[in-house]
All heavy atoms as atom14 arrays in JSON, in Angstrom:
{
  "sequence": "HGATVHVEGQAADVSAFRTRLRADAPAPARLEAVEVVPATPTFRT",
  "atom14_mask": [
    [1, 1, 1, 1, 1, 1, 1, 1, 1, 1, 0, 0, 0, 0],
    [1, 1, 1, 1, 0, 0, 0, 0, 0, 0, 0, 0, 0, 0],
    [1, 1, 1, 1, 1, 0, 0, 0, 0, 0, 0, 0, 0, 0],
    [1, 1, 1, 1, 1, 1, 1, 0, 0, 0, 0, 0, 0, 0],
    [1, 1, 1, 1, 1, 1, 1, 0, 0, 0, 0, 0, 0, 0],
    [1, 1, 1, 1, 1, 1, 1, 1, 1, 1, 0, 0, 0, 0],
    [1, 1, 1, 1, 1, 1, 1, 0, 0, 0, 0, 0, 0, 0],
    [1, 1, 1, 1, 1, 1, 1, 1, 1, 0, 0, 0, 0, 0],
    [1, 1, 1, 1, 0, 0, 0, 0, 0, 0, 0, 0, 0, 0],
    [1, 1, 1, 1, 1, 1, 1, 1, 1, 0, 0, 0, 0, 0],
    [1, 1, 1, 1, 1, 0, 0, 0, 0, 0, 0, 0, 0, 0],
    [1, 1, 1, 1, 1, 0, 0, 0, 0, 0, 0, 0, 0, 0],
    [1, 1, 1, 1, 1, 1, 1, 1, 0, 0, 0, 0, 0, 0],
    [1, 1, 1, 1, 1, 1, 1, 0, 0, 0, 0, 0, 0, 0],
    [1, 1, 1, 1, 1, 1, 0, 0, 0, 0, 0, 0, 0, 0],
    [1, 1, 1, 1, 1, 0, 0, 0, 0, 0, 0, 0, 0, 0],
    [1, 1, 1, 1, 1, 1, 1, 1, 1, 1, 1, 0, 0, 0],
    [1, 1, 1, 1, 1, 1, 1, 1, 1, 1, 1, 0, 0, 0],
    [1, 1, 1, 1, 1, 1, 1, 0, 0, 0, 0, 0, 0, 0],
    [1, 1, 1, 1, 1, 1, 1, 1, 1, 1, 1, 0, 0, 0],
    [1, 1, 1, 1, 1, 1, 1, 1, 0, 0, 0, 0, 0, 0],
    [1, 1, 1, 1, 1, 1, 1, 1, 1, 1, 1, 0, 0, 0],
    [1, 1, 1, 1, 1, 0, 0, 0, 0, 0, 0, 0, 0, 0],
    [1, 1, 1, 1, 1, 1, 1, 1, 0, 0, 0, 0, 0, 0],
    [1, 1, 1, 1, 1, 0, 0, 0, 0, 0, 0, 0, 0, 0],
    [1, 1, 1, 1, 1, 1, 1, 0, 0, 0, 0, 0, 0, 0],
    [1, 1, 1, 1, 1, 0, 0, 0, 0, 0, 0, 0, 0, 0],
    [1, 1, 1, 1, 1, 1, 1, 0, 0, 0, 0, 0, 0, 0],
    [1, 1, 1, 1, 1, 0, 0, 0, 0, 0, 0, 0, 0, 0],
    [1, 1, 1, 1, 1, 1, 1, 1, 1, 1, 1, 0, 0, 0],
    [1, 1, 1, 1, 1, 1, 1, 1, 0, 0, 0, 0, 0, 0],
    [1, 1, 1, 1, 1, 1, 1, 1, 1, 0, 0, 0, 0, 0],
    [1, 1, 1, 1, 1, 0, 0, 0, 0, 0, 0, 0, 0, 0],
    [1, 1, 1, 1, 1, 1, 1, 0, 0, 0, 0, 0, 0, 0],
    [1, 1, 1, 1, 1, 1, 1, 1, 1, 0, 0, 0, 0, 0],
    [1, 1, 1, 1, 1, 1, 1, 0, 0, 0, 0, 0, 0, 0],
    [1, 1, 1, 1, 1, 1, 1, 0, 0, 0, 0, 0, 0, 0],
    [1, 1, 1, 1, 1, 1, 1, 0, 0, 0, 0, 0, 0, 0],
    [1, 1, 1, 1, 1, 0, 0, 0, 0, 0, 0, 0, 0, 0],
    [1, 1, 1, 1, 1, 1, 1, 0, 0, 0, 0, 0, 0, 0],
    [1, 1, 1, 1, 1, 1, 1, 0, 0, 0, 0, 0, 0, 0],
    [1, 1, 1, 1, 1, 1, 1, 0, 0, 0, 0, 0, 0, 0],
    [1, 1, 1, 1, 1, 1, 1, 1, 1, 1, 1, 0, 0, 0],
    [1, 1, 1, 1, 1, 1, 1, 1, 1, 1, 1, 0, 0, 0],
    [1, 1, 1, 1, 1, 1, 1, 0, 0, 0, 0, 0, 0, 0]
  ],
  "atom14_positions": [
    [[-36.29, -8.43, -76.77], [-34.92, -8.81, -76.49], [-34.79, -9.83, -75.41], [-33.75, -10.27, -75.07], [-34.12, -7.58, -76.18], [-34.23, -6.51, -77.18], [-33.44, -6.63, -78.34], [-34.84, -5.33, -77.26], [-33.71, -5.58, -79.14], [-34.57, -4.73, -78.49], [0.0, 0.0, 0.0], [0.0, 0.0, 0.0], [0.0, 0.0, 0.0], [0.0, 0.0, 0.0]],
    [[-35.99, -10.16, -74.73], [-35.83, -11.23, -73.69], [-36.84, -10.82, -72.58], [-37.92, -10.51, -72.93], [0.0, 0.0, 0.0], [0.0, 0.0, 0.0], [0.0, 0.0, 0.0], [0.0, 0.0, 0.0], [0.0, 0.0, 0.0], [0.0, 0.0, 0.0], [0.0, 0.0, 0.0], [0.0, 0.0, 0.0], [0.0, 0.0, 0.0], [0.0, 0.0, 0.0]],
    [[-36.38, -10.79, -71.38], [-37.28, -10.53, -70.22], [-36.59, -9.38, -69.45], [-35.42, -9.32, -69.31], [-37.45, -11.71, -69.39], [0.0, 0.0, 0.0], [0.0, 0.0, 0.0], [0.0, 0.0, 0.0], [0.0, 0.0, 0.0], [0.0, 0.0, 0.0], [0.0, 0.0, 0.0], [0.0, 0.0, 0.0], [0.0, 0.0, 0.0], [0.0, 0.0, 0.0]],
    [[-37.47, -8.61, -68.79], [-36.96, -7.46, -67.93], [-37.68, -7.89, -66.59], [-38.95, -8.0, -66.51], [-37.31, -6.1, -68.33], [-36.79, -5.79, -69.57], [-36.98, -5.12, -67.37], [0.0, 0.0, 0.0], [0.0, 0.0, 0.0], [0.0, 0.0, 0.0], [0.0, 0.0, 0.0], [0.0, 0.0, 0.0], [0.0, 0.0, 0.0], [0.0, 0.0, 0.0]],
    [[-36.83, -7.82, -65.47], [-37.3, -8.2, -64.2], [-36.96, -7.05, -63.27], [-35.85, -6.48, -63.26], [-36.7, -9.44, -63.63], [-37.12, -9.77, -62.28], [-36.83, -10.65, -64.62], [0.0, 0.0, 0.0], [0.0, 0.0, 0.0], [0.0, 0.0, 0.0], [0.0, 0.0, 0.0], [0.0, 0.0, 0.0], [0.0, 0.0, 0.0], [0.0, 0.0, 0.0]],
    [[-37.93, -6.42, -62.62], [-37.71, -5.37, -61.66], [-38.01, -5.93, -60.28], [-39.08, -6.43, -60.06], [-38.76, -4.3, -61.93], [-38.64, -3.18, -60.98], [-37.88, -1.93, -61.28], [-39.05, -3.02, -59.75], [-37.96, -1.15, -60.17], [-38.78, -1.71, -59.33], [0.0, 0.0, 0.0], [0.0, 0.0, 0.0], [0.0, 0.0, 0.0], [0.0, 0.0, 0.0]],
    [[-36.97, -5.95, -59.43], [-37.09, -6.6, -58.11], [-36.77, -5.49, -57.15], [-35.79, -4.8, -57.25], [-36.03, -7.7, -57.98], [-36.09, -8.32, -56.6], [-36.22, -8.77, -59.01], [0.0, 0.0, 0.0], [0.0, 0.0, 0.0], [0.0, 0.0, 0.0], [0.0, 0.0, 0.0], [0.0, 0.0, 0.0], [0.0, 0.0, 0.0], [0.0, 0.0, 0.0]],
    [[-37.56, -5.57, -55.99], [-37.45, -4.51, -55.05], [-37.35, -5.38, -53.62], [-37.92, -6.34, -53.49], [-38.53, -3.54, -54.92], [-38.71, -2.73, -56.03], [-39.76, -1.75, -56.02], [-40.32, -1.5, -55.0], [-40.23, -1.33, -57.1], [0.0, 0.0, 0.0], [0.0, 0.0, 0.0], [0.0, 0.0, 0.0], [0.0, 0.0, 0.0], [0.0, 0.0, 0.0]],
    [[-36.59, -4.83, -52.75], [-36.5, -5.42, -51.36], [-35.23, -5.12, -50.63], [-34.34, -4.36, -51.11], [0.0, 0.0, 0.0], [0.0, 0.0, 0.0], [0.0, 0.0, 0.0], [0.0, 0.0, 0.0], [0.0, 0.0, 0.0], [0.0, 0.0, 0.0], [0.0, 0.0, 0.0], [0.0, 0.0, 0.0], [0.0, 0.0, 0.0], [0.0, 0.0, 0.0]],
    [[-34.95, -5.78, -49.57], [-33.64, -5.7, -48.86], [-32.57, -6.19, -49.71], [-32.73, -7.24, -50.56], [-33.61, -6.51, -47.56], [-34.7, -6.0, -46.62], [-34.52, -4.47, -46.21], [-33.46, -4.11, -45.85], [-35.66, -3.69, -46.03], [0.0, 0.0, 0.0], [0.0, 0.0, 0.0], [0.0, 0.0, 0.0], [0.0, 0.0, 0.0], [0.0, 0.0, 0.0]],
    [[-31.36, -5.67, -49.65], [-30.24, -6.04, -50.45], [-30.02, -7.4, -50.51], [-29.79, -8.1, -51.51], [-29.0, -5.27, -50.02], [0.0, 0.0, 0.0], [0.0, 0.0, 0.0], [0.0, 0.0, 0.0], [0.0, 0.0, 0.0], [0.0, 0.0, 0.0], [0.0, 0.0, 0.0], [0.0, 0.0, 0.0], [0.0, 0.0, 0.0], [0.0, 0.0, 0.0]],
    [[-29.99, -8.15, -49.31], [-29.75, -9.66, -49.12], [-30.84, -10.39, -49.92], [-30.53, -11.28, -50.59], [-29.8, -10.06, -47.73], [0.0, 0.0, 0.0], [0.0, 0.0, 0.0], [0.0, 0.0, 0.0], [0.0, 0.0, 0.0], [0.0, 0.0, 0.0], [0.0, 0.0, 0.0], [0.0, 0.0, 0.0], [0.0, 0.0, 0.0], [0.0, 0.0, 0.0]],
    [[-32.13, -9.96, -49.89], [-33.15, -10.64, -50.64], [-33.05, -10.48, -52.09], [-33.25, -11.39, -52.91], [-34.51, -10.01, -50.16], [-34.87, -10.41, -48.69], [-34.23, -11.38, -48.17], [-35.68, -9.69, -48.14], [0.0, 0.0, 0.0], [0.0, 0.0, 0.0], [0.0, 0.0, 0.0], [0.0, 0.0, 0.0], [0.0, 0.0, 0.0], [0.0, 0.0, 0.0]],
    [[-32.68, -9.27, -52.59], [-32.46, -9.04, -53.93], [-31.28, -9.93, -54.56], [-31.29, -10.53, -55.54], [-32.26, -7.7, -54.28], [-31.89, -7.38, -55.69], [-33.53, -6.77, -53.97], [0.0, 0.0, 0.0], [0.0, 0.0, 0.0], [0.0, 0.0, 0.0], [0.0, 0.0, 0.0], [0.0, 0.0, 0.0], [0.0, 0.0, 0.0], [0.0, 0.0, 0.0]],
    [[-30.16, -9.96, -53.69], [-29.08, -10.78, -54.08], [-29.46, -12.28, -54.13], [-29.08, -12.94, -55.1], [-27.96, -10.59, -53.09], [-26.95, -11.39, -53.49], [0.0, 0.0, 0.0], [0.0, 0.0, 0.0], [0.0, 0.0, 0.0], [0.0, 0.0, 0.0], [0.0, 0.0, 0.0], [0.0, 0.0, 0.0], [0.0, 0.0, 0.0], [0.0, 0.0, 0.0]],
    [[-30.24, -12.76, -53.19], [-30.67, -14.15, -53.12], [-31.67, -14.38, -54.45], [-31.53, -15.44, -55.09], [-31.54, -14.45, -51.9], [0.0, 0.0, 0.0], [0.0, 0.0, 0.0], [0.0, 0.0, 0.0], [0.0, 0.0, 0.0], [0.0, 0.0, 0.0], [0.0, 0.0, 0.0], [0.0, 0.0, 0.0], [0.0, 0.0, 0.0], [0.0, 0.0, 0.0]],
    [[-32.5, -13.45, -54.79], [-33.31, -13.55, -55.97], [-32.36, -13.77, -57.25], [-32.59, -14.69, -58.04], [-34.21, -12.32, -56.16], [-35.05, -12.48, -57.39], [-36.26, -13.05, -57.41], [-34.58, -11.92, -58.55], [-37.12, -13.1, -58.49], [-35.36, -11.96, -59.75], [-36.61, -12.51, -59.69], [0.0, 0.0, 0.0], [0.0, 0.0, 0.0], [0.0, 0.0, 0.0]],
    [[-31.48, -12.92, -57.35], [-30.45, -12.94, -58.46], [-29.8, -14.34, -58.59], [-29.6, -14.95, -59.63], [-29.59, -11.81, -58.38], [-28.64, -11.75, -59.58], [-27.79, -10.45, -59.43], [-26.87, -10.48, -60.5], [-25.65, -9.87, -60.44], [-25.43, -9.03, -59.39], [-24.8, -9.81, -61.36], [0.0, 0.0, 0.0], [0.0, 0.0, 0.0], [0.0, 0.0, 0.0]],
    [[-29.34, -14.9, -57.48], [-28.71, -16.15, -57.43], [-29.67, -17.24, -57.8], [-29.36, -18.17, -58.6], [-28.2, -16.54, -56.0], [-27.24, -15.5, -55.57], [-27.47, -17.91, -55.89], [0.0, 0.0, 0.0], [0.0, 0.0, 0.0], [0.0, 0.0, 0.0], [0.0, 0.0, 0.0], [0.0, 0.0, 0.0], [0.0, 0.0, 0.0], [0.0, 0.0, 0.0]],
    [[-30.92, -17.27, -57.34], [-31.94, -18.24, -57.62], [-32.44, -18.01, -59.06], [-32.83, -19.16, -59.64], [-33.14, -18.17, -56.73], [-32.66, -18.75, -55.26], [-33.84, -18.76, -54.31], [-34.8, -19.84, -54.88], [-35.96, -19.98, -54.56], [-36.5, -19.15, -53.7], [-36.71, -20.88, -55.04], [0.0, 0.0, 0.0], [0.0, 0.0, 0.0], [0.0, 0.0, 0.0]],
    [[-32.4, -16.89, -59.52], [-32.76, -16.72, -61.03], [-31.99, -17.67, -61.93], [-32.53, -18.4, -62.78], [-32.56, -15.29, -61.47], [-33.0, -14.95, -62.77], [-34.57, -15.05, -62.87], [-32.59, -13.46, -63.07], [0.0, 0.0, 0.0], [0.0, 0.0, 0.0], [0.0, 0.0, 0.0], [0.0, 0.0, 0.0], [0.0, 0.0, 0.0], [0.0, 0.0, 0.0]],
    [[-30.64, -17.76, -61.65], [-29.88, -18.71, -62.56], [-30.01, -20.11, -62.03], [-30.1, -21.04, -62.92], [-28.44, -18.24, -62.32], [-28.01, -17.08, -63.14], [-26.46, -16.91, -63.21], [-26.09, -15.64, -64.0], [-26.05, -15.67, -65.31], [-26.36, -16.72, -65.98], [-25.7, -14.54, -65.93], [0.0, 0.0, 0.0], [0.0, 0.0, 0.0], [0.0, 0.0, 0.0]],
    [[-29.92, -20.3, -60.77], [-29.89, -21.73, -60.25], [-31.27, -22.49, -60.46], [-31.33, -23.6, -60.67], [-29.67, -21.79, -58.79], [0.0, 0.0, 0.0], [0.0, 0.0, 0.0], [0.0, 0.0, 0.0], [0.0, 0.0, 0.0], [0.0, 0.0, 0.0], [0.0, 0.0, 0.0], [0.0, 0.0, 0.0], [0.0, 0.0, 0.0], [0.0, 0.0, 0.0]],
    [[-32.37, -21.76, -60.44], [-33.69, -22.42, -60.52], [-34.46, -22.15, -61.81], [-35.62, -22.43, -61.84], [-34.59, -21.91, -59.32], [-34.01, -22.28, -57.95], [-33.13, -23.2, -57.91], [-34.4, -21.65, -57.03], [0.0, 0.0, 0.0], [0.0, 0.0, 0.0], [0.0, 0.0, 0.0], [0.0, 0.0, 0.0], [0.0, 0.0, 0.0], [0.0, 0.0, 0.0]],
    [[-33.83, -21.7, -62.86], [-34.53, -21.44, -64.07], [-34.9, -22.85, -64.62], [-34.26, -23.85, -64.54], [-33.42, -20.85, -65.04], [0.0, 0.0, 0.0], [0.0, 0.0, 0.0], [0.0, 0.0, 0.0], [0.0, 0.0, 0.0], [0.0, 0.0, 0.0], [0.0, 0.0, 0.0], [0.0, 0.0, 0.0], [0.0, 0.0, 0.0], [0.0, 0.0, 0.0]],
    [[-36.15, -22.86, -65.31], [-36.65, -24.19, -65.8], [-35.69, -24.71, -66.91], [-34.99, -23.88, -67.57], [-38.11, -23.95, -66.3], [-38.09, -22.39, -66.44], [-37.03, -21.73, -65.56], [0.0, 0.0, 0.0], [0.0, 0.0, 0.0], [0.0, 0.0, 0.0], [0.0, 0.0, 0.0], [0.0, 0.0, 0.0], [0.0, 0.0, 0.0], [0.0, 0.0, 0.0]],
    [[-35.83, -25.99, -67.14], [-34.82, -26.56, -68.19], [-34.81, -25.94, -69.47], [-33.71, -25.79, -70.0], [-35.33, -28.06, -68.28], [0.0, 0.0, 0.0], [0.0, 0.0, 0.0], [0.0, 0.0, 0.0], [0.0, 0.0, 0.0], [0.0, 0.0, 0.0], [0.0, 0.0, 0.0], [0.0, 0.0, 0.0], [0.0, 0.0, 0.0], [0.0, 0.0, 0.0]],
    [[-35.89, -25.53, -70.16], [-35.73, -24.9, -71.46], [-35.1, -23.46, -71.44], [-34.68, -22.88, -72.44], [-37.11, -24.87, -72.09], [-38.04, -24.92, -70.89], [-37.3, -25.66, -69.88], [0.0, 0.0, 0.0], [0.0, 0.0, 0.0], [0.0, 0.0, 0.0], [0.0, 0.0, 0.0], [0.0, 0.0, 0.0], [0.0, 0.0, 0.0], [0.0, 0.0, 0.0]],
    [[-35.12, -22.84, -70.26], [-34.71, -21.39, -70.24], [-33.18, -21.28, -70.16], [-32.44, -22.25, -69.71], [-35.19, -20.82, -68.8], [0.0, 0.0, 0.0], [0.0, 0.0, 0.0], [0.0, 0.0, 0.0], [0.0, 0.0, 0.0], [0.0, 0.0, 0.0], [0.0, 0.0, 0.0], [0.0, 0.0, 0.0], [0.0, 0.0, 0.0], [0.0, 0.0, 0.0]],
    [[-32.65, -20.26, -70.67], [-31.17, -20.06, -70.79], [-30.95, -18.62, -70.58], [-31.32, -17.77, -71.48], [-30.56, -20.5, -72.11], [-29.09, -20.52, -72.14], [-28.51, -21.01, -73.4], [-28.62, -20.1, -74.43], [-28.8, -20.45, -75.75], [-29.14, -21.7, -75.96], [-28.99, -19.54, -76.56], [0.0, 0.0, 0.0], [0.0, 0.0, 0.0], [0.0, 0.0, 0.0]],
    [[-30.21, -18.3, -69.47], [-29.91, -16.97, -69.28], [-28.61, -16.67, -69.95], [-27.55, -17.18, -69.63], [-29.81, -16.68, -67.78], [-31.11, -16.45, -67.05], [-31.74, -17.65, -66.66], [-30.85, -15.46, -65.89], [0.0, 0.0, 0.0], [0.0, 0.0, 0.0], [0.0, 0.0, 0.0], [0.0, 0.0, 0.0], [0.0, 0.0, 0.0], [0.0, 0.0, 0.0]],
    [[-28.65, -15.76, -70.92], [-27.36, -15.31, -71.58], [-26.62, -14.21, -70.94], [-25.5, -14.13, -70.94], [-27.73, -15.0, -73.05], [-28.14, -16.26, -73.79], [-28.47, -15.96, -75.3], [-28.46, -14.79, -75.67], [-28.81, -16.89, -76.0], [0.0, 0.0, 0.0], [0.0, 0.0, 0.0], [0.0, 0.0, 0.0], [0.0, 0.0, 0.0], [0.0, 0.0, 0.0]],
    [[-27.41, -13.42, -70.3], [-26.89, -12.2, -69.57], [-27.77, -11.82, -68.51], [-29.04, -11.82, -68.67], [-26.56, -11.1, -70.5], [0.0, 0.0, 0.0], [0.0, 0.0, 0.0], [0.0, 0.0, 0.0], [0.0, 0.0, 0.0], [0.0, 0.0, 0.0], [0.0, 0.0, 0.0], [0.0, 0.0, 0.0], [0.0, 0.0, 0.0], [0.0, 0.0, 0.0]],
    [[-27.3, -11.24, -67.39], [-28.11, -10.56, -66.35], [-27.46, -9.28, -66.07], [-26.26, -9.23, -65.74], [-28.09, -11.43, -65.06], [-28.79, -10.61, -63.96], [-28.7, -12.74, -65.16], [0.0, 0.0, 0.0], [0.0, 0.0, 0.0], [0.0, 0.0, 0.0], [0.0, 0.0, 0.0], [0.0, 0.0, 0.0], [0.0, 0.0, 0.0], [0.0, 0.0, 0.0]],
    [[-28.12, -8.24, -66.31], [-27.6, -6.88, -66.15], [-28.29, -6.18, -65.0], [-29.58, -6.2, -64.86], [-27.83, -6.07, -67.41], [-27.35, -4.63, -67.3], [-27.59, -3.7, -68.59], [-28.17, -4.43, -69.56], [-27.28, -2.61, -68.61], [0.0, 0.0, 0.0], [0.0, 0.0, 0.0], [0.0, 0.0, 0.0], [0.0, 0.0, 0.0], [0.0, 0.0, 0.0]],
    [[-27.68, -5.71, -63.95], [-28.13, -5.11, -62.91], [-28.07, -3.65, -62.97], [-27.11, -3.02, -63.18], [-27.51, -5.52, -61.48], [-28.1, -4.84, -60.38], [-27.57, -7.04, -61.28], [0.0, 0.0, 0.0], [0.0, 0.0, 0.0], [0.0, 0.0, 0.0], [0.0, 0.0, 0.0], [0.0, 0.0, 0.0], [0.0, 0.0, 0.0], [0.0, 0.0, 0.0]],
    [[-29.32, -2.93, -62.9], [-29.43, -1.52, -63.04], [-30.14, -0.93, -61.95], [-31.29, -1.39, -61.78], [-30.02, -1.17, -64.35], [-30.19, 0.32, -64.67], [-29.37, -1.71, -65.6], [0.0, 0.0, 0.0], [0.0, 0.0, 0.0], [0.0, 0.0, 0.0], [0.0, 0.0, 0.0], [0.0, 0.0, 0.0], [0.0, 0.0, 0.0], [0.0, 0.0, 0.0]],
    [[-29.68, 0.08, -61.16], [-30.47, 0.75, -60.15], [-31.7, 1.37, -60.82], [-31.66, 1.85, -61.87], [-29.54, 1.85, -59.58], [-28.27, 1.46, -60.0], [-28.32, 0.67, -61.28], [0.0, 0.0, 0.0], [0.0, 0.0, 0.0], [0.0, 0.0, 0.0], [0.0, 0.0, 0.0], [0.0, 0.0, 0.0], [0.0, 0.0, 0.0], [0.0, 0.0, 0.0]],
    [[-32.77, 1.18, -60.06], [-34.1, 1.81, -60.53], [-35.02, 2.41, -59.45], [-34.58, 2.11, -58.25], [-34.96, 0.71, -61.16], [0.0, 0.0, 0.0], [0.0, 0.0, 0.0], [0.0, 0.0, 0.0], [0.0, 0.0, 0.0], [0.0, 0.0, 0.0], [0.0, 0.0, 0.0], [0.0, 0.0, 0.0], [0.0, 0.0, 0.0], [0.0, 0.0, 0.0]],
    [[-35.85, 3.21, -59.9], [-36.69, 3.89, -58.96], [-37.73, 2.84, -58.42], [-38.34, 2.13, -59.21], [-37.53, 5.0, -59.62], [-36.5, 6.0, -60.09], [-38.41, 5.78, -58.58], [0.0, 0.0, 0.0], [0.0, 0.0, 0.0], [0.0, 0.0, 0.0], [0.0, 0.0, 0.0], [0.0, 0.0, 0.0], [0.0, 0.0, 0.0], [0.0, 0.0, 0.0]],
    [[-37.91, 2.73, -57.13], [-38.94, 1.8, -56.6], [-40.28, 2.06, -57.04], [-40.69, 3.24, -57.2], [-38.77, 1.92, -55.0], [-37.47, 2.63, -54.72], [-37.2, 3.43, -56.01], [0.0, 0.0, 0.0], [0.0, 0.0, 0.0], [0.0, 0.0, 0.0], [0.0, 0.0, 0.0], [0.0, 0.0, 0.0], [0.0, 0.0, 0.0], [0.0, 0.0, 0.0]],
    [[-41.15, 1.07, -57.23], [-42.48, 1.26, -57.64], [-43.54, 0.96, -56.48], [-44.62, 1.23, -56.44], [-42.84, 0.26, -58.74], [-42.67, -1.04, -58.49], [-42.09, 0.62, -60.04], [0.0, 0.0, 0.0], [0.0, 0.0, 0.0], [0.0, 0.0, 0.0], [0.0, 0.0, 0.0], [0.0, 0.0, 0.0], [0.0, 0.0, 0.0], [0.0, 0.0, 0.0]],
    [[-42.94, 0.36, -55.39], [-43.69, -0.01, -54.2], [-44.99, -0.88, -54.38], [-45.95, -0.77, -53.73], [-44.08, 1.28, -53.38], [-42.86, 2.1, -53.1], [-42.52, 3.31, -53.77], [-42.0, 1.85, -52.13], [-41.46, 4.06, -53.51], [-40.96, 2.59, -51.68], [-40.65, 3.71, -52.41], [0.0, 0.0, 0.0], [0.0, 0.0, 0.0], [0.0, 0.0, 0.0]],
    [[-44.82, -1.75, -55.31], [-45.94, -2.68, -55.51], [-45.79, -3.73, -54.45], [-44.82, -3.97, -53.89], [-45.67, -3.38, -56.87], [-45.97, -2.62, -58.12], [-45.84, -3.47, -59.36], [-45.86, -2.77, -60.52], [-45.98, -3.32, -61.73], [-46.06, -4.58, -61.88], [-46.11, -2.55, -62.8], [0.0, 0.0, 0.0], [0.0, 0.0, 0.0], [0.0, 0.0, 0.0]],
    [[-47.03, -4.37, -54.26], [-46.98, -5.53, -53.36], [-47.0, -6.72, -54.1], [-47.63, -6.88, -55.15], [-48.14, -5.43, -52.4], [-49.34, -5.43, -53.15], [-48.19, -4.24, -51.56], [0.0, 0.0, 0.0], [0.0, 0.0, 0.0], [0.0, 0.0, 0.0], [0.0, 0.0, 0.0], [0.0, 0.0, 0.0], [0.0, 0.0, 0.0], [0.0, 0.0, 0.0]]
  ]
}
């Protein structure tokens, strides 16, 4: 169905990631929808 992205961090950092996801997507990419869903942290580095 597309891509799933799991992002963890401080609220401001996650918000900045979401903003940059749209602004910095490469030319052929097209984001049709971004759905934010709370998730259990995985604590990856």
